[in-house]
C-alpha atoms as a PDB file:
ATOM      1  CA  MET A   1      72.875 139.309 103.487  1.00  0.00           C
ATOM      2  CA  ASN A   2      70.455 141.214 105.639  1.00  0.00           C
ATOM      3  CA  ARG A   3      70.689 140.619 109.400  1.00  0.00           C
ATOM      4  CA  LEU A   4      66.916 140.159 109.623  1.00  0.00           C
ATOM      5  CA  VAL A   5      67.073 137.308 107.114  1.00  0.00           C
ATOM      6  CA  ILE A   6      69.877 135.623 109.039  1.00  0.00           C
ATOM      7  CA  ALA A   7      68.056 136.048 112.358  1.00  0.00           C
ATOM      8  CA  THR A   8      64.835 134.659 110.867  1.00  0.00           C
ATOM      9  CA  ALA A   9      66.634 131.658 109.381  1.00  0.00           C
ATOM     10  CA  CYS A  10      68.358 130.928 112.696  1.00  0.00           C
ATOM     11  CA  GLY A  11      65.087 131.269 114.589  1.00  0.00           C
ATOM     12  CA  LEU A  12      63.296 128.894 112.210  1.00  0.00           C
ATOM     13  CA  GLY A  13      66.176 126.442 112.458  1.00  0.00           C
ATOM     14  CA  LEU A  14      66.021 126.456 116.246  1.00  0.00           C
ATOM     15  CA  ALA A  15      62.230 126.040 116.199  1.00  0.00           C
ATOM     16  CA  ILE A  16      62.496 123.060 113.857  1.00  0.00           C
ATOM     17  CA  LEU A  17      65.223 121.566 116.033  1.00  0.00           C
ATOM     18  CA  ALA A  18      63.037 121.963 119.136  1.00  0.00           C
ATOM     19  CA  VAL A  19      60.087 120.226 117.443  1.00  0.00           C
ATOM     20  CA  ALA A  20      62.345 117.419 116.206  1.00  0.00           C
ATOM     21  CA  LEU A  21      63.814 116.870 119.680  1.00  0.00           C
ATOM     22  CA  TYR A  22      60.343 116.852 121.226  1.00  0.00           C
ATOM     23  CA  ALA A  23      59.163 114.269 118.680  1.00  0.00           C
ATOM     24  CA  TRP A  24      62.293 112.163 119.219  1.00  0.00           C
ATOM     25  CA  HIS A  25      61.867 112.092 122.996  1.00  0.00           C
ATOM     26  CA  SER A  26      58.123 111.448 122.851  1.00  0.00           C
ATOM     27  CA  MET A  27      58.701 108.305 120.756  1.00  0.00           C
ATOM     28  CA  ALA A  28      61.484 106.952 122.969  1.00  0.00           C
ATOM     29  CA  ASP A  29      59.364 104.052 124.236  1.00  0.00           C
ATOM     30  CA  ALA A  30      58.304 102.835 120.770  1.00  0.00           C
ATOM     31  CA  PRO A  31      60.075  99.608 119.849  1.00  0.00           C
ATOM     32  CA  LEU A  32      61.709  99.323 116.413  1.00  0.00           C
ATOM     33  CA  ASP A  33      61.722  95.797 115.000  1.00  0.00           C
ATOM     34  CA  THR A  34      63.931  94.420 112.223  1.00  0.00           C
ATOM     35  CA  ASN A  35      61.639  95.640 109.437  1.00  0.00           C
ATOM     36  CA  GLY A  36      61.688  99.144 110.892  1.00  0.00           C
ATOM     37  CA  ILE A  37      65.485  99.174 111.093  1.00  0.00           C
ATOM     38  CA  ILE A  38      65.737  97.983 107.481  1.00  0.00           C
ATOM     39  CA  ALA A  39      63.260 100.636 106.304  1.00  0.00           C
ATOM     40  CA  LEU A  40      65.069 103.359 108.250  1.00  0.00           C
ATOM     41  CA  THR A  41      68.443 102.289 106.853  1.00  0.00           C
ATOM     42  CA  LEU A  42      67.149 102.157 103.270  1.00  0.00           C
ATOM     43  CA  GLY A  43      65.545 105.574 103.674  1.00  0.00           C
ATOM     44  CA  ILE A  44      68.764 107.111 104.957  1.00  0.00           C
ATOM     45  CA  VAL A  45      70.860 105.520 102.195  1.00  0.00           C
ATOM     46  CA  ALA A  46      68.403 106.555  99.464  1.00  0.00           C
ATOM     47  CA  THR A  47      68.252 110.124 100.752  1.00  0.00           C
ATOM     48  CA  LEU A  48      72.033 110.441 100.897  1.00  0.00           C
ATOM     49  CA  ALA A  49      72.395 108.896  97.430  1.00  0.00           C
ATOM     50  CA  LEU A  50      69.810 111.255  95.944  1.00  0.00           C
ATOM     51  CA  GLY A  51      71.489 114.272  97.522  1.00  0.00           C
ATOM     52  CA  THR A  52      74.898 113.152  96.263  1.00  0.00           C
ATOM     53  CA  VAL A  53      73.631 112.618  92.723  1.00  0.00           C
ATOM     54  CA  LEU A  54      71.829 115.966  92.608  1.00  0.00           C
ATOM     55  CA  VAL A  55      74.861 117.888  93.900  1.00  0.00           C
ATOM     56  CA  GLY A  56      77.054 116.023  91.408  1.00  0.00           C
ATOM     57  CA  LEU A  57      74.733 116.946  88.545  1.00  0.00           C
ATOM     58  CA  MET A  58      74.721 120.557  89.694  1.00  0.00           C
ATOM     59  CA  LEU A  59      78.525 120.687  89.739  1.00  0.00           C
ATOM     60  CA  TYR A  60      78.762 118.896  86.382  1.00  0.00           C
ATOM     61  CA  SER A  61      76.302 121.325  84.798  1.00  0.00           C
ATOM     62  CA  SER A  62      78.090 124.332  86.235  1.00  0.00           C
ATOM     63  CA  ARG A  63      81.567 123.218  85.150  1.00  0.00           C
ATOM     64  CA  ARG A  64      80.494 122.262  81.619  1.00  0.00           C
ATOM     65  CA  GLY A  65      78.856 125.644  81.008  1.00  0.00           C
ATOM     66  CA  TYR A  66      75.285 124.416  80.642  1.00  0.00           C
ATOM     67  CA  ASP A  67      74.174 127.039  83.155  1.00  0.00           C
ATOM     68  CA  ASP A  68      75.635 129.861  81.065  1.00  0.00           C
ATOM     69  CA  ARG A  69      73.158 129.265  78.234  1.00  0.00           C
ATOM     70  CA  VAL A  70      70.056 129.590  80.389  1.00  0.00           C
ATOM     71  CA  GLY A  71      67.999 132.659  79.528  1.00  0.00           C
ATOM     72  CA  GLN A  72      69.673 133.414  76.219  1.00  0.00           C
ATOM     73  CA  GLY A  73      66.789 132.076  74.158  1.00  0.00           C
ATOM     74  CA  PRO A  74      66.860 129.878  71.058  1.00  0.00           C
ATOM     75  CA  ALA A  75      68.276 132.601  68.755  1.00  0.00           C
ATOM     76  CA  SER A  76      71.459 132.969  70.796  1.00  0.00           C
ATOM     77  CA  ALA A  77      71.909 129.221  71.069  1.00  0.00           C
ATOM     78  CA  GLU A  78      71.506 128.902  67.291  1.00  0.00           C
ATOM     79  CA  SER A  79      74.151 131.553  66.627  1.00  0.00           C
ATOM     80  CA  ASP A  80      76.520 129.812  69.053  1.00  0.00           C
ATOM     81  CA  ARG A  81      76.188 126.606  67.058  1.00  0.00           C
ATOM     82  CA  ARG A  82      76.892 128.385  63.751  1.00  0.00           C
ATOM     83  CA  ASP A  83      80.010 130.074  65.133  1.00  0.00           C
ATOM     84  CA  ALA A  84      81.453 126.866  66.538  1.00  0.00           C
ATOM     85  CA  PRO A  85      84.015 125.023  64.413  1.00  0.00           C
ATOM     86  CA  PRO A  86      82.800 121.745  62.886  1.00  0.00           C
END
């Protein structure tokens, strides 16, 4: 990978981290009641579950060969079905 791309990605990552830390520290005095804790917990769990499911589907698709057929068009897929044993 190009060094400029890596440097740009690192710079953007550090900038995003700086903004996130600033936002975190500026909201330090805001109280979080029970409803807020429940909403935060559900959001974290849902995000992790969605990420896990999507990565699992990606790995499943890759291992089963579904990704190999992309871009071949319907004619190639039809010939693959005819060549396959019944």
